[in-house]
PDBML (XML) file of the C-alpha atoms, coordinates in Angstrom:
<?xml version="1.0" encoding="UTF-8" ?>
<PDBx:datablock datablockName="MODEL"
   xmlns:PDBx="http://pdbml.pdb.org/schema/pdbx-v50.xsd"
   xmlns:xsi="http://www.w3.org/2001/XMLSchema-instance"
   xsi:schemaLocation="http://pdbml.pdb.org/schema/pdbx-v50.xsd pdbx-v50.xsd">
   <PDBx:atom_siteCategory>
      <PDBx:atom_site id="1">
         <PDBx:B_iso_or_equiv>0.00</PDBx:B_iso_or_equiv>
         <PDBx:Cartn_x>70.619</PDBx:Cartn_x>
         <PDBx:Cartn_y>68.127</PDBx:Cartn_y>
         <PDBx:Cartn_z>-47.493</PDBx:Cartn_z>
         <PDBx:auth_asym_id>A</PDBx:auth_asym_id>
         <PDBx:auth_atom_id>CA</PDBx:auth_atom_id>
         <PDBx:auth_comp_id>PHE</PDBx:auth_comp_id>
         <PDBx:auth_seq_id>1</PDBx:auth_seq_id>
         <PDBx:group_PDB>ATOM</PDBx:group_PDB>
         <PDBx:label_alt_id xsi:nil="true" />
         <PDBx:label_asym_id>A</PDBx:label_asym_id>
         <PDBx:label_atom_id>CA</PDBx:label_atom_id>
         <PDBx:label_comp_id>PHE</PDBx:label_comp_id>
         <PDBx:label_entity_id>1</PDBx:label_entity_id>
         <PDBx:label_seq_id>1</PDBx:label_seq_id>
         <PDBx:occupancy>1.00</PDBx:occupancy>
         <PDBx:pdbx_PDB_model_num>1</PDBx:pdbx_PDB_model_num>
         <PDBx:type_symbol>C</PDBx:type_symbol>
      </PDBx:atom_site>
      <PDBx:atom_site id="2">
         <PDBx:B_iso_or_equiv>0.00</PDBx:B_iso_or_equiv>
         <PDBx:Cartn_x>67.812</PDBx:Cartn_x>
         <PDBx:Cartn_y>67.711</PDBx:Cartn_y>
         <PDBx:Cartn_z>-50.058</PDBx:Cartn_z>
         <PDBx:auth_asym_id>A</PDBx:auth_asym_id>
         <PDBx:auth_atom_id>CA</PDBx:auth_atom_id>
         <PDBx:auth_comp_id>ALA</PDBx:auth_comp_id>
         <PDBx:auth_seq_id>2</PDBx:auth_seq_id>
         <PDBx:group_PDB>ATOM</PDBx:group_PDB>
         <PDBx:label_alt_id xsi:nil="true" />
         <PDBx:label_asym_id>A</PDBx:label_asym_id>
         <PDBx:label_atom_id>CA</PDBx:label_atom_id>
         <PDBx:label_comp_id>ALA</PDBx:label_comp_id>
         <PDBx:label_entity_id>1</PDBx:label_entity_id>
         <PDBx:label_seq_id>2</PDBx:label_seq_id>
         <PDBx:occupancy>1.00</PDBx:occupancy>
         <PDBx:pdbx_PDB_model_num>1</PDBx:pdbx_PDB_model_num>
         <PDBx:type_symbol>C</PDBx:type_symbol>
      </PDBx:atom_site>
      <PDBx:atom_site id="3">
         <PDBx:B_iso_or_equiv>0.00</PDBx:B_iso_or_equiv>
         <PDBx:Cartn_x>65.863</PDBx:Cartn_x>
         <PDBx:Cartn_y>70.613</PDBx:Cartn_y>
         <PDBx:Cartn_z>-48.528</PDBx:Cartn_z>
         <PDBx:auth_asym_id>A</PDBx:auth_asym_id>
         <PDBx:auth_atom_id>CA</PDBx:auth_atom_id>
         <PDBx:auth_comp_id>ALA</PDBx:auth_comp_id>
         <PDBx:auth_seq_id>3</PDBx:auth_seq_id>
         <PDBx:group_PDB>ATOM</PDBx:group_PDB>
         <PDBx:label_alt_id xsi:nil="true" />
         <PDBx:label_asym_id>A</PDBx:label_asym_id>
         <PDBx:label_atom_id>CA</PDBx:label_atom_id>
         <PDBx:label_comp_id>ALA</PDBx:label_comp_id>
         <PDBx:label_entity_id>1</PDBx:label_entity_id>
         <PDBx:label_seq_id>3</PDBx:label_seq_id>
         <PDBx:occupancy>1.00</PDBx:occupancy>
         <PDBx:pdbx_PDB_model_num>1</PDBx:pdbx_PDB_model_num>
         <PDBx:type_symbol>C</PDBx:type_symbol>
      </PDBx:atom_site>
      <PDBx:atom_site id="4">
         <PDBx:B_iso_or_equiv>0.00</PDBx:B_iso_or_equiv>
         <PDBx:Cartn_x>68.891</PDBx:Cartn_x>
         <PDBx:Cartn_y>72.914</PDBx:Cartn_y>
         <PDBx:Cartn_z>-48.698</PDBx:Cartn_z>
         <PDBx:auth_asym_id>A</PDBx:auth_asym_id>
         <PDBx:auth_atom_id>CA</PDBx:auth_atom_id>
         <PDBx:auth_comp_id>ARG</PDBx:auth_comp_id>
         <PDBx:auth_seq_id>4</PDBx:auth_seq_id>
         <PDBx:group_PDB>ATOM</PDBx:group_PDB>
         <PDBx:label_alt_id xsi:nil="true" />
         <PDBx:label_asym_id>A</PDBx:label_asym_id>
         <PDBx:label_atom_id>CA</PDBx:label_atom_id>
         <PDBx:label_comp_id>ARG</PDBx:label_comp_id>
         <PDBx:label_entity_id>1</PDBx:label_entity_id>
         <PDBx:label_seq_id>4</PDBx:label_seq_id>
         <PDBx:occupancy>1.00</PDBx:occupancy>
         <PDBx:pdbx_PDB_model_num>1</PDBx:pdbx_PDB_model_num>
         <PDBx:type_symbol>C</PDBx:type_symbol>
      </PDBx:atom_site>
      <PDBx:atom_site id="5">
         <PDBx:B_iso_or_equiv>0.00</PDBx:B_iso_or_equiv>
         <PDBx:Cartn_x>69.376</PDBx:Cartn_x>
         <PDBx:Cartn_y>71.981</PDBx:Cartn_y>
         <PDBx:Cartn_z>-52.351</PDBx:Cartn_z>
         <PDBx:auth_asym_id>A</PDBx:auth_asym_id>
         <PDBx:auth_atom_id>CA</PDBx:auth_atom_id>
         <PDBx:auth_comp_id>ASP</PDBx:auth_comp_id>
         <PDBx:auth_seq_id>5</PDBx:auth_seq_id>
         <PDBx:group_PDB>ATOM</PDBx:group_PDB>
         <PDBx:label_alt_id xsi:nil="true" />
         <PDBx:label_asym_id>A</PDBx:label_asym_id>
         <PDBx:label_atom_id>CA</PDBx:label_atom_id>
         <PDBx:label_comp_id>ASP</PDBx:label_comp_id>
         <PDBx:label_entity_id>1</PDBx:label_entity_id>
         <PDBx:label_seq_id>5</PDBx:label_seq_id>
         <PDBx:occupancy>1.00</PDBx:occupancy>
         <PDBx:pdbx_PDB_model_num>1</PDBx:pdbx_PDB_model_num>
         <PDBx:type_symbol>C</PDBx:type_symbol>
      </PDBx:atom_site>
      <PDBx:atom_site id="6">
         <PDBx:B_iso_or_equiv>0.00</PDBx:B_iso_or_equiv>
         <PDBx:Cartn_x>65.708</PDBx:Cartn_x>
         <PDBx:Cartn_y>72.817</PDBx:Cartn_y>
         <PDBx:Cartn_z>-52.966</PDBx:Cartn_z>
         <PDBx:auth_asym_id>A</PDBx:auth_asym_id>
         <PDBx:auth_atom_id>CA</PDBx:auth_atom_id>
         <PDBx:auth_comp_id>MET</PDBx:auth_comp_id>
         <PDBx:auth_seq_id>6</PDBx:auth_seq_id>
         <PDBx:group_PDB>ATOM</PDBx:group_PDB>
         <PDBx:label_alt_id xsi:nil="true" />
         <PDBx:label_asym_id>A</PDBx:label_asym_id>
         <PDBx:label_atom_id>CA</PDBx:label_atom_id>
         <PDBx:label_comp_id>MET</PDBx:label_comp_id>
         <PDBx:label_entity_id>1</PDBx:label_entity_id>
         <PDBx:label_seq_id>6</PDBx:label_seq_id>
         <PDBx:occupancy>1.00</PDBx:occupancy>
         <PDBx:pdbx_PDB_model_num>1</PDBx:pdbx_PDB_model_num>
         <PDBx:type_symbol>C</PDBx:type_symbol>
      </PDBx:atom_site>
      <PDBx:atom_site id="7">
         <PDBx:B_iso_or_equiv>0.00</PDBx:B_iso_or_equiv>
         <PDBx:Cartn_x>66.145</PDBx:Cartn_x>
         <PDBx:Cartn_y>76.233</PDBx:Cartn_y>
         <PDBx:Cartn_z>-51.282</PDBx:Cartn_z>
         <PDBx:auth_asym_id>A</PDBx:auth_asym_id>
         <PDBx:auth_atom_id>CA</PDBx:auth_atom_id>
         <PDBx:auth_comp_id>ILE</PDBx:auth_comp_id>
         <PDBx:auth_seq_id>7</PDBx:auth_seq_id>
         <PDBx:group_PDB>ATOM</PDBx:group_PDB>
         <PDBx:label_alt_id xsi:nil="true" />
         <PDBx:label_asym_id>A</PDBx:label_asym_id>
         <PDBx:label_atom_id>CA</PDBx:label_atom_id>
         <PDBx:label_comp_id>ILE</PDBx:label_comp_id>
         <PDBx:label_entity_id>1</PDBx:label_entity_id>
         <PDBx:label_seq_id>7</PDBx:label_seq_id>
         <PDBx:occupancy>1.00</PDBx:occupancy>
         <PDBx:pdbx_PDB_model_num>1</PDBx:pdbx_PDB_model_num>
         <PDBx:type_symbol>C</PDBx:type_symbol>
      </PDBx:atom_site>
      <PDBx:atom_site id="8">
         <PDBx:B_iso_or_equiv>0.00</PDBx:B_iso_or_equiv>
         <PDBx:Cartn_x>69.101</PDBx:Cartn_x>
         <PDBx:Cartn_y>77.012</PDBx:Cartn_y>
         <PDBx:Cartn_z>-53.562</PDBx:Cartn_z>
         <PDBx:auth_asym_id>A</PDBx:auth_asym_id>
         <PDBx:auth_atom_id>CA</PDBx:auth_atom_id>
         <PDBx:auth_comp_id>ILE</PDBx:auth_comp_id>
         <PDBx:auth_seq_id>8</PDBx:auth_seq_id>
         <PDBx:group_PDB>ATOM</PDBx:group_PDB>
         <PDBx:label_alt_id xsi:nil="true" />
         <PDBx:label_asym_id>A</PDBx:label_asym_id>
         <PDBx:label_atom_id>CA</PDBx:label_atom_id>
         <PDBx:label_comp_id>ILE</PDBx:label_comp_id>
         <PDBx:label_entity_id>1</PDBx:label_entity_id>
         <PDBx:label_seq_id>8</PDBx:label_seq_id>
         <PDBx:occupancy>1.00</PDBx:occupancy>
         <PDBx:pdbx_PDB_model_num>1</PDBx:pdbx_PDB_model_num>
         <PDBx:type_symbol>C</PDBx:type_symbol>
      </PDBx:atom_site>
      <PDBx:atom_site id="9">
         <PDBx:B_iso_or_equiv>0.00</PDBx:B_iso_or_equiv>
         <PDBx:Cartn_x>67.036</PDBx:Cartn_x>
         <PDBx:Cartn_y>76.071</PDBx:Cartn_y>
         <PDBx:Cartn_z>-56.628</PDBx:Cartn_z>
         <PDBx:auth_asym_id>A</PDBx:auth_asym_id>
         <PDBx:auth_atom_id>CA</PDBx:auth_atom_id>
         <PDBx:auth_comp_id>SER</PDBx:auth_comp_id>
         <PDBx:auth_seq_id>9</PDBx:auth_seq_id>
         <PDBx:group_PDB>ATOM</PDBx:group_PDB>
         <PDBx:label_alt_id xsi:nil="true" />
         <PDBx:label_asym_id>A</PDBx:label_asym_id>
         <PDBx:label_atom_id>CA</PDBx:label_atom_id>
         <PDBx:label_comp_id>SER</PDBx:label_comp_id>
         <PDBx:label_entity_id>1</PDBx:label_entity_id>
         <PDBx:label_seq_id>9</PDBx:label_seq_id>
         <PDBx:occupancy>1.00</PDBx:occupancy>
         <PDBx:pdbx_PDB_model_num>1</PDBx:pdbx_PDB_model_num>
         <PDBx:type_symbol>C</PDBx:type_symbol>
      </PDBx:atom_site>
      <PDBx:atom_site id="10">
         <PDBx:B_iso_or_equiv>0.00</PDBx:B_iso_or_equiv>
         <PDBx:Cartn_x>64.116</PDBx:Cartn_x>
         <PDBx:Cartn_y>78.237</PDBx:Cartn_y>
         <PDBx:Cartn_z>-55.485</PDBx:Cartn_z>
         <PDBx:auth_asym_id>A</PDBx:auth_asym_id>
         <PDBx:auth_atom_id>CA</PDBx:auth_atom_id>
         <PDBx:auth_comp_id>LEU</PDBx:auth_comp_id>
         <PDBx:auth_seq_id>10</PDBx:auth_seq_id>
         <PDBx:group_PDB>ATOM</PDBx:group_PDB>
         <PDBx:label_alt_id xsi:nil="true" />
         <PDBx:label_asym_id>A</PDBx:label_asym_id>
         <PDBx:label_atom_id>CA</PDBx:label_atom_id>
         <PDBx:label_comp_id>LEU</PDBx:label_comp_id>
         <PDBx:label_entity_id>1</PDBx:label_entity_id>
         <PDBx:label_seq_id>10</PDBx:label_seq_id>
         <PDBx:occupancy>1.00</PDBx:occupancy>
         <PDBx:pdbx_PDB_model_num>1</PDBx:pdbx_PDB_model_num>
         <PDBx:type_symbol>C</PDBx:type_symbol>
      </PDBx:atom_site>
      <PDBx:atom_site id="11">
         <PDBx:B_iso_or_equiv>0.00</PDBx:B_iso_or_equiv>
         <PDBx:Cartn_x>66.358</PDBx:Cartn_x>
         <PDBx:Cartn_y>81.256</PDBx:Cartn_y>
         <PDBx:Cartn_z>-54.869</PDBx:Cartn_z>
         <PDBx:auth_asym_id>A</PDBx:auth_asym_id>
         <PDBx:auth_atom_id>CA</PDBx:auth_atom_id>
         <PDBx:auth_comp_id>ARG</PDBx:auth_comp_id>
         <PDBx:auth_seq_id>11</PDBx:auth_seq_id>
         <PDBx:group_PDB>ATOM</PDBx:group_PDB>
         <PDBx:label_alt_id xsi:nil="true" />
         <PDBx:label_asym_id>A</PDBx:label_asym_id>
         <PDBx:label_atom_id>CA</PDBx:label_atom_id>
         <PDBx:label_comp_id>ARG</PDBx:label_comp_id>
         <PDBx:label_entity_id>1</PDBx:label_entity_id>
         <PDBx:label_seq_id>11</PDBx:label_seq_id>
         <PDBx:occupancy>1.00</PDBx:occupancy>
         <PDBx:pdbx_PDB_model_num>1</PDBx:pdbx_PDB_model_num>
         <PDBx:type_symbol>C</PDBx:type_symbol>
      </PDBx:atom_site>
      <PDBx:atom_site id="12">
         <PDBx:B_iso_or_equiv>0.00</PDBx:B_iso_or_equiv>
         <PDBx:Cartn_x>67.749</PDBx:Cartn_x>
         <PDBx:Cartn_y>80.929</PDBx:Cartn_y>
         <PDBx:Cartn_z>-58.383</PDBx:Cartn_z>
         <PDBx:auth_asym_id>A</PDBx:auth_asym_id>
         <PDBx:auth_atom_id>CA</PDBx:auth_atom_id>
         <PDBx:auth_comp_id>SER</PDBx:auth_comp_id>
         <PDBx:auth_seq_id>12</PDBx:auth_seq_id>
         <PDBx:group_PDB>ATOM</PDBx:group_PDB>
         <PDBx:label_alt_id xsi:nil="true" />
         <PDBx:label_asym_id>A</PDBx:label_asym_id>
         <PDBx:label_atom_id>CA</PDBx:label_atom_id>
         <PDBx:label_comp_id>SER</PDBx:label_comp_id>
         <PDBx:label_entity_id>1</PDBx:label_entity_id>
         <PDBx:label_seq_id>12</PDBx:label_seq_id>
         <PDBx:occupancy>1.00</PDBx:occupancy>
         <PDBx:pdbx_PDB_model_num>1</PDBx:pdbx_PDB_model_num>
         <PDBx:type_symbol>C</PDBx:type_symbol>
      </PDBx:atom_site>
      <PDBx:atom_site id="13">
         <PDBx:B_iso_or_equiv>0.00</PDBx:B_iso_or_equiv>
         <PDBx:Cartn_x>64.239</PDBx:Cartn_x>
         <PDBx:Cartn_y>81.453</PDBx:Cartn_y>
         <PDBx:Cartn_z>-59.785</PDBx:Cartn_z>
         <PDBx:auth_asym_id>A</PDBx:auth_asym_id>
         <PDBx:auth_atom_id>CA</PDBx:auth_atom_id>
         <PDBx:auth_comp_id>GLY</PDBx:auth_comp_id>
         <PDBx:auth_seq_id>13</PDBx:auth_seq_id>
         <PDBx:group_PDB>ATOM</PDBx:group_PDB>
         <PDBx:label_alt_id xsi:nil="true" />
         <PDBx:label_asym_id>A</PDBx:label_asym_id>
         <PDBx:label_atom_id>CA</PDBx:label_atom_id>
         <PDBx:label_comp_id>GLY</PDBx:label_comp_id>
         <PDBx:label_entity_id>1</PDBx:label_entity_id>
         <PDBx:label_seq_id>13</PDBx:label_seq_id>
         <PDBx:occupancy>1.00</PDBx:occupancy>
         <PDBx:pdbx_PDB_model_num>1</PDBx:pdbx_PDB_model_num>
         <PDBx:type_symbol>C</PDBx:type_symbol>
      </PDBx:atom_site>
      <PDBx:atom_site id="14">
         <PDBx:B_iso_or_equiv>0.00</PDBx:B_iso_or_equiv>
         <PDBx:Cartn_x>63.209</PDBx:Cartn_x>
         <PDBx:Cartn_y>77.865</PDBx:Cartn_y>
         <PDBx:Cartn_z>-60.385</PDBx:Cartn_z>
         <PDBx:auth_asym_id>A</PDBx:auth_asym_id>
         <PDBx:auth_atom_id>CA</PDBx:auth_atom_id>
         <PDBx:auth_comp_id>MET</PDBx:auth_comp_id>
         <PDBx:auth_seq_id>14</PDBx:auth_seq_id>
         <PDBx:group_PDB>ATOM</PDBx:group_PDB>
         <PDBx:label_alt_id xsi:nil="true" />
         <PDBx:label_asym_id>A</PDBx:label_asym_id>
         <PDBx:label_atom_id>CA</PDBx:label_atom_id>
         <PDBx:label_comp_id>MET</PDBx:label_comp_id>
         <PDBx:label_entity_id>1</PDBx:label_entity_id>
         <PDBx:label_seq_id>14</PDBx:label_seq_id>
         <PDBx:occupancy>1.00</PDBx:occupancy>
         <PDBx:pdbx_PDB_model_num>1</PDBx:pdbx_PDB_model_num>
         <PDBx:type_symbol>C</PDBx:type_symbol>
      </PDBx:atom_site>
      <PDBx:atom_site id="15">
         <PDBx:B_iso_or_equiv>0.00</PDBx:B_iso_or_equiv>
         <PDBx:Cartn_x>59.537</PDBx:Cartn_x>
         <PDBx:Cartn_y>76.953</PDBx:Cartn_y>
         <PDBx:Cartn_z>-59.720</PDBx:Cartn_z>
         <PDBx:auth_asym_id>A</PDBx:auth_asym_id>
         <PDBx:auth_atom_id>CA</PDBx:auth_atom_id>
         <PDBx:auth_comp_id>PRO</PDBx:auth_comp_id>
         <PDBx:auth_seq_id>15</PDBx:auth_seq_id>
         <PDBx:group_PDB>ATOM</PDBx:group_PDB>
         <PDBx:label_alt_id xsi:nil="true" />
         <PDBx:label_asym_id>A</PDBx:label_asym_id>
         <PDBx:label_atom_id>CA</PDBx:label_atom_id>
         <PDBx:label_comp_id>PRO</PDBx:label_comp_id>
         <PDBx:label_entity_id>1</PDBx:label_entity_id>
         <PDBx:label_seq_id>15</PDBx:label_seq_id>
         <PDBx:occupancy>1.00</PDBx:occupancy>
         <PDBx:pdbx_PDB_model_num>1</PDBx:pdbx_PDB_model_num>
         <PDBx:type_symbol>C</PDBx:type_symbol>
      </PDBx:atom_site>
      <PDBx:atom_site id="16">
         <PDBx:B_iso_or_equiv>0.00</PDBx:B_iso_or_equiv>
         <PDBx:Cartn_x>58.771</PDBx:Cartn_x>
         <PDBx:Cartn_y>74.722</PDBx:Cartn_y>
         <PDBx:Cartn_z>-56.758</PDBx:Cartn_z>
         <PDBx:auth_asym_id>A</PDBx:auth_asym_id>
         <PDBx:auth_atom_id>CA</PDBx:auth_atom_id>
         <PDBx:auth_comp_id>LEU</PDBx:auth_comp_id>
         <PDBx:auth_seq_id>16</PDBx:auth_seq_id>
         <PDBx:group_PDB>ATOM</PDBx:group_PDB>
         <PDBx:label_alt_id xsi:nil="true" />
         <PDBx:label_asym_id>A</PDBx:label_asym_id>
         <PDBx:label_atom_id>CA</PDBx:label_atom_id>
         <PDBx:label_comp_id>LEU</PDBx:label_comp_id>
         <PDBx:label_entity_id>1</PDBx:label_entity_id>
         <PDBx:label_seq_id>16</PDBx:label_seq_id>
         <PDBx:occupancy>1.00</PDBx:occupancy>
         <PDBx:pdbx_PDB_model_num>1</PDBx:pdbx_PDB_model_num>
         <PDBx:type_symbol>C</PDBx:type_symbol>
      </PDBx:atom_site>
      <PDBx:atom_site id="17">
         <PDBx:B_iso_or_equiv>0.00</PDBx:B_iso_or_equiv>
         <PDBx:Cartn_x>57.745</PDBx:Cartn_x>
         <PDBx:Cartn_y>71.747</PDBx:Cartn_y>
         <PDBx:Cartn_z>-58.901</PDBx:Cartn_z>
         <PDBx:auth_asym_id>A</PDBx:auth_asym_id>
         <PDBx:auth_atom_id>CA</PDBx:auth_atom_id>
         <PDBx:auth_comp_id>TYR</PDBx:auth_comp_id>
         <PDBx:auth_seq_id>17</PDBx:auth_seq_id>
         <PDBx:group_PDB>ATOM</PDBx:group_PDB>
         <PDBx:label_alt_id xsi:nil="true" />
         <PDBx:label_asym_id>A</PDBx:label_asym_id>
         <PDBx:label_atom_id>CA</PDBx:label_atom_id>
         <PDBx:label_comp_id>TYR</PDBx:label_comp_id>
         <PDBx:label_entity_id>1</PDBx:label_entity_id>
         <PDBx:label_seq_id>17</PDBx:label_seq_id>
         <PDBx:occupancy>1.00</PDBx:occupancy>
         <PDBx:pdbx_PDB_model_num>1</PDBx:pdbx_PDB_model_num>
         <PDBx:type_symbol>C</PDBx:type_symbol>
      </PDBx:atom_site>
      <PDBx:atom_site id="18">
         <PDBx:B_iso_or_equiv>0.00</PDBx:B_iso_or_equiv>
         <PDBx:Cartn_x>60.984</PDBx:Cartn_x>
         <PDBx:Cartn_y>71.893</PDBx:Cartn_y>
         <PDBx:Cartn_z>-60.930</PDBx:Cartn_z>
         <PDBx:auth_asym_id>A</PDBx:auth_asym_id>
         <PDBx:auth_atom_id>CA</PDBx:auth_atom_id>
         <PDBx:auth_comp_id>ASN</PDBx:auth_comp_id>
         <PDBx:auth_seq_id>18</PDBx:auth_seq_id>
         <PDBx:group_PDB>ATOM</PDBx:group_PDB>
         <PDBx:label_alt_id xsi:nil="true" />
         <PDBx:label_asym_id>A</PDBx:label_asym_id>
         <PDBx:label_atom_id>CA</PDBx:label_atom_id>
         <PDBx:label_comp_id>ASN</PDBx:label_comp_id>
         <PDBx:label_entity_id>1</PDBx:label_entity_id>
         <PDBx:label_seq_id>18</PDBx:label_seq_id>
         <PDBx:occupancy>1.00</PDBx:occupancy>
         <PDBx:pdbx_PDB_model_num>1</PDBx:pdbx_PDB_model_num>
         <PDBx:type_symbol>C</PDBx:type_symbol>
      </PDBx:atom_site>
      <PDBx:atom_site id="19">
         <PDBx:B_iso_or_equiv>0.00</PDBx:B_iso_or_equiv>
         <PDBx:Cartn_x>62.974</PDBx:Cartn_x>
         <PDBx:Cartn_y>72.166</PDBx:Cartn_y>
         <PDBx:Cartn_z>-57.686</PDBx:Cartn_z>
         <PDBx:auth_asym_id>A</PDBx:auth_asym_id>
         <PDBx:auth_atom_id>CA</PDBx:auth_atom_id>
         <PDBx:auth_comp_id>ALA</PDBx:auth_comp_id>
         <PDBx:auth_seq_id>19</PDBx:auth_seq_id>
         <PDBx:group_PDB>ATOM</PDBx:group_PDB>
         <PDBx:label_alt_id xsi:nil="true" />
         <PDBx:label_asym_id>A</PDBx:label_asym_id>
         <PDBx:label_atom_id>CA</PDBx:label_atom_id>
         <PDBx:label_comp_id>ALA</PDBx:label_comp_id>
         <PDBx:label_entity_id>1</PDBx:label_entity_id>
         <PDBx:label_seq_id>19</PDBx:label_seq_id>
         <PDBx:occupancy>1.00</PDBx:occupancy>
         <PDBx:pdbx_PDB_model_num>1</PDBx:pdbx_PDB_model_num>
         <PDBx:type_symbol>C</PDBx:type_symbol>
      </PDBx:atom_site>
      <PDBx:atom_site id="20">
         <PDBx:B_iso_or_equiv>0.00</PDBx:B_iso_or_equiv>
         <PDBx:Cartn_x>61.259</PDBx:Cartn_x>
         <PDBx:Cartn_y>69.034</PDBx:Cartn_y>
         <PDBx:Cartn_z>-56.353</PDBx:Cartn_z>
         <PDBx:auth_asym_id>A</PDBx:auth_asym_id>
         <PDBx:auth_atom_id>CA</PDBx:auth_atom_id>
         <PDBx:auth_comp_id>ILE</PDBx:auth_comp_id>
         <PDBx:auth_seq_id>20</PDBx:auth_seq_id>
         <PDBx:group_PDB>ATOM</PDBx:group_PDB>
         <PDBx:label_alt_id xsi:nil="true" />
         <PDBx:label_asym_id>A</PDBx:label_asym_id>
         <PDBx:label_atom_id>CA</PDBx:label_atom_id>
         <PDBx:label_comp_id>ILE</PDBx:label_comp_id>
         <PDBx:label_entity_id>1</PDBx:label_entity_id>
         <PDBx:label_seq_id>20</PDBx:label_seq_id>
         <PDBx:occupancy>1.00</PDBx:occupancy>
         <PDBx:pdbx_PDB_model_num>1</PDBx:pdbx_PDB_model_num>
         <PDBx:type_symbol>C</PDBx:type_symbol>
      </PDBx:atom_site>
      <PDBx:atom_site id="21">
         <PDBx:B_iso_or_equiv>0.00</PDBx:B_iso_or_equiv>
         <PDBx:Cartn_x>62.014</PDBx:Cartn_x>
         <PDBx:Cartn_y>67.225</PDBx:Cartn_y>
         <PDBx:Cartn_z>-59.622</PDBx:Cartn_z>
         <PDBx:auth_asym_id>A</PDBx:auth_asym_id>
         <PDBx:auth_atom_id>CA</PDBx:auth_atom_id>
         <PDBx:auth_comp_id>VAL</PDBx:auth_comp_id>
         <PDBx:auth_seq_id>21</PDBx:auth_seq_id>
         <PDBx:group_PDB>ATOM</PDBx:group_PDB>
         <PDBx:label_alt_id xsi:nil="true" />
         <PDBx:label_asym_id>A</PDBx:label_asym_id>
         <PDBx:label_atom_id>CA</PDBx:label_atom_id>
         <PDBx:label_comp_id>VAL</PDBx:label_comp_id>
         <PDBx:label_entity_id>1</PDBx:label_entity_id>
         <PDBx:label_seq_id>21</PDBx:label_seq_id>
         <PDBx:occupancy>1.00</PDBx:occupancy>
         <PDBx:pdbx_PDB_model_num>1</PDBx:pdbx_PDB_model_num>
         <PDBx:type_symbol>C</PDBx:type_symbol>
      </PDBx:atom_site>
      <PDBx:atom_site id="22">
         <PDBx:B_iso_or_equiv>0.00</PDBx:B_iso_or_equiv>
         <PDBx:Cartn_x>65.710</PDBx:Cartn_x>
         <PDBx:Cartn_y>68.155</PDBx:Cartn_y>
         <PDBx:Cartn_z>-59.307</PDBx:Cartn_z>
         <PDBx:auth_asym_id>A</PDBx:auth_asym_id>
         <PDBx:auth_atom_id>CA</PDBx:auth_atom_id>
         <PDBx:auth_comp_id>SER</PDBx:auth_comp_id>
         <PDBx:auth_seq_id>22</PDBx:auth_seq_id>
         <PDBx:group_PDB>ATOM</PDBx:group_PDB>
         <PDBx:label_alt_id xsi:nil="true" />
         <PDBx:label_asym_id>A</PDBx:label_asym_id>
         <PDBx:label_atom_id>CA</PDBx:label_atom_id>
         <PDBx:label_comp_id>SER</PDBx:label_comp_id>
         <PDBx:label_entity_id>1</PDBx:label_entity_id>
         <PDBx:label_seq_id>22</PDBx:label_seq_id>
         <PDBx:occupancy>1.00</PDBx:occupancy>
         <PDBx:pdbx_PDB_model_num>1</PDBx:pdbx_PDB_model_num>
         <PDBx:type_symbol>C</PDBx:type_symbol>
      </PDBx:atom_site>
      <PDBx:atom_site id="23">
         <PDBx:B_iso_or_equiv>0.00</PDBx:B_iso_or_equiv>
         <PDBx:Cartn_x>66.010</PDBx:Cartn_x>
         <PDBx:Cartn_y>66.591</PDBx:Cartn_y>
         <PDBx:Cartn_z>-55.827</PDBx:Cartn_z>
         <PDBx:auth_asym_id>A</PDBx:auth_asym_id>
         <PDBx:auth_atom_id>CA</PDBx:auth_atom_id>
         <PDBx:auth_comp_id>ILE</PDBx:auth_comp_id>
         <PDBx:auth_seq_id>23</PDBx:auth_seq_id>
         <PDBx:group_PDB>ATOM</PDBx:group_PDB>
         <PDBx:label_alt_id xsi:nil="true" />
         <PDBx:label_asym_id>A</PDBx:label_asym_id>
         <PDBx:label_atom_id>CA</PDBx:label_atom_id>
         <PDBx:label_comp_id>ILE</PDBx:label_comp_id>
         <PDBx:label_entity_id>1</PDBx:label_entity_id>
         <PDBx:label_seq_id>23</PDBx:label_seq_id>
         <PDBx:occupancy>1.00</PDBx:occupancy>
         <PDBx:pdbx_PDB_model_num>1</PDBx:pdbx_PDB_model_num>
         <PDBx:type_symbol>C</PDBx:type_symbol>
      </PDBx:atom_site>
      <PDBx:atom_site id="24">
         <PDBx:B_iso_or_equiv>0.00</PDBx:B_iso_or_equiv>
         <PDBx:Cartn_x>63.942</PDBx:Cartn_x>
         <PDBx:Cartn_y>63.472</PDBx:Cartn_y>
         <PDBx:Cartn_z>-56.661</PDBx:Cartn_z>
         <PDBx:auth_asym_id>A</PDBx:auth_asym_id>
         <PDBx:auth_atom_id>CA</PDBx:auth_atom_id>
         <PDBx:auth_comp_id>SER</PDBx:auth_comp_id>
         <PDBx:auth_seq_id>24</PDBx:auth_seq_id>
         <PDBx:group_PDB>ATOM</PDBx:group_PDB>
         <PDBx:label_alt_id xsi:nil="true" />
         <PDBx:label_asym_id>A</PDBx:label_asym_id>
         <PDBx:label_atom_id>CA</PDBx:label_atom_id>
         <PDBx:label_comp_id>SER</PDBx:label_comp_id>
         <PDBx:label_entity_id>1</PDBx:label_entity_id>
         <PDBx:label_seq_id>24</PDBx:label_seq_id>
         <PDBx:occupancy>1.00</PDBx:occupancy>
         <PDBx:pdbx_PDB_model_num>1</PDBx:pdbx_PDB_model_num>
         <PDBx:type_symbol>C</PDBx:type_symbol>
      </PDBx:atom_site>
      <PDBx:atom_site id="25">
         <PDBx:B_iso_or_equiv>0.00</PDBx:B_iso_or_equiv>
         <PDBx:Cartn_x>67.259</PDBx:Cartn_x>
         <PDBx:Cartn_y>61.717</PDBx:Cartn_y>
         <PDBx:Cartn_z>-57.423</PDBx:Cartn_z>
         <PDBx:auth_asym_id>A</PDBx:auth_asym_id>
         <PDBx:auth_atom_id>CA</PDBx:auth_atom_id>
         <PDBx:auth_comp_id>THR</PDBx:auth_comp_id>
         <PDBx:auth_seq_id>25</PDBx:auth_seq_id>
         <PDBx:group_PDB>ATOM</PDBx:group_PDB>
         <PDBx:label_alt_id xsi:nil="true" />
         <PDBx:label_asym_id>A</PDBx:label_asym_id>
         <PDBx:label_atom_id>CA</PDBx:label_atom_id>
         <PDBx:label_comp_id>THR</PDBx:label_comp_id>
         <PDBx:label_entity_id>1</PDBx:label_entity_id>
         <PDBx:label_seq_id>25</PDBx:label_seq_id>
         <PDBx:occupancy>1.00</PDBx:occupancy>
         <PDBx:pdbx_PDB_model_num>1</PDBx:pdbx_PDB_model_num>
         <PDBx:type_symbol>C</PDBx:type_symbol>
      </PDBx:atom_site>
   </PDBx:atom_siteCategory>
</PDBx:datablock>
């Protein structure tokens, strides 16, 4: 579930580090 959330963030143009920060909680 966290990985799918990260994929959605990356497709919206967010950098990888910011996507990891968003799923760290």
